[in-house]
Amino acid sequence: MLYATPSLDPADQAVLAEIEDMRRDLKYRLAETHRWDGQLRRQLQARAIQGSNSIEGYRASVEDIESIMSGEEPLETSGSVAREIAGYQQALTYIQLLSRAPAFRYDTGLLNALNFMMIGHHRDKTPGVVRPGGIYIRDSVSGAVVYEGPDADLVPKLLDELIEWLNDGDLGVPSYVRAAMAHLNLVKVHPWRDGNGRMSRALQTLVLGRDQITTPEFCSIEEWLGQQRTTIAYYDVLGEVGRRQWSPHGDTLAWVRFCLRAHHMQAQRVRQRLAEAGEIWMLLEKQVDSDGLNTRTVSALYEVFVTRRLRRSRYQADESLSQGQAARDLRDLAAKGWLSPYGETKGRFYAPGPRMVEIKAEFAGRATPLRDPYVQAR
């Protein structure tokens, strides 16, 4: 028996309708190709990876995560955390491919494979293999047990039930609700020795991707969940709904409502970023043109605007340049006051220069505050 999908209240239906409106608007905007699309998608994926891993205590900057995603050594992140990031990025990349695969069915082998991608570097934790014994989740401060997973001998049957439900259960339920219930059931079964939280959040993203809500990086709520206050609320609602032991009964509406709120808030944020990306790009394009610089350098300036720093290799890859071309462009941008170089050789990076700092300051605080949909709906 799994945790059952709840019926939605009118307030939830209203929030869901608003999420759908934002989704349709997003799909419409993404249908038209823009120069900044690739960088925006990469940054959203990096932020999703950052959010999901920070919940587990693995913290890295978006800039370092982007470096890891491209196969480079991060500048600040430790090797152990970088391996966690790389594993999760590998799993999310596969989820992106699975979301578009013409032939697809969920199965236990797929879930085990995703778990192995995430934590395969922890061979002592038998990655990709269902746990052989019990599992206990402890409070990181007090050490007290806050959740005990189902007995190990029940896990294979529960996974089979979850797989059957993923393929054929509640197909008439809104995708956001199905994805939330997939997340809840997997995290409560806790079938592996490690990576269960990340796997559950990734499964939620996969369900949405398969239902063609939009591409995974645009529909994931992992970034939103990784914020400190939201993370606390996330654990609180999991404890409220799931209780201290495997107990698949009772009302799960509080969990679904939490996820709907997260989707609404993250959708507002993504919509703002998409609108801001176009405005920033056009502004930078005008500045580059007036300085007599090559138009391609706008991608370097945009990267520095939305993150803290840029490495030459990133710009080189984005614009398909030779090492010499990329280095010359960045030197020109530094000479014009757009960038400030730091470090040497492999550790060299470019941060915002005086002119970029000025433009960033003009944009700071311009974003409209996000609206809690349930405050408005009730």
Foldseek 3Di string as FASTA:
>chain_A
DAFDQDDDDPLLVVLVVLLLVLLVVVVVVVVDDDLCVVVLLLLLLLLLLQLLVVLVVLHDFSVQLSCLLVVHHGQDHDPVSSLQSNLLSVLLVVLLVQLPDPDDADDLQNLQVSQCSRPVVPVVQVGSDFDPAKDFDADPPPRHTFATADGSVCLVVLRVVLRVCLGDNPPVDDLLSVLLSQLLRQLRNVGTSDDSNVSSQSSSLSSCSNVPSDRSSLQRLSSVCSDPVNVVVLVVLSCVQCPHYRDNDDDNVVSSLSSSLSRQQSSLVSVLVVVVLVVQLVVVQVVCVVVVHDSLCSNVLSVQLVGFKADLVVSCVSVVHDSVVSVVNVVVCVVVQQWDWDDDDSSIITGGGPVSVVVSVVCPPVRDDGDRSSVVSD
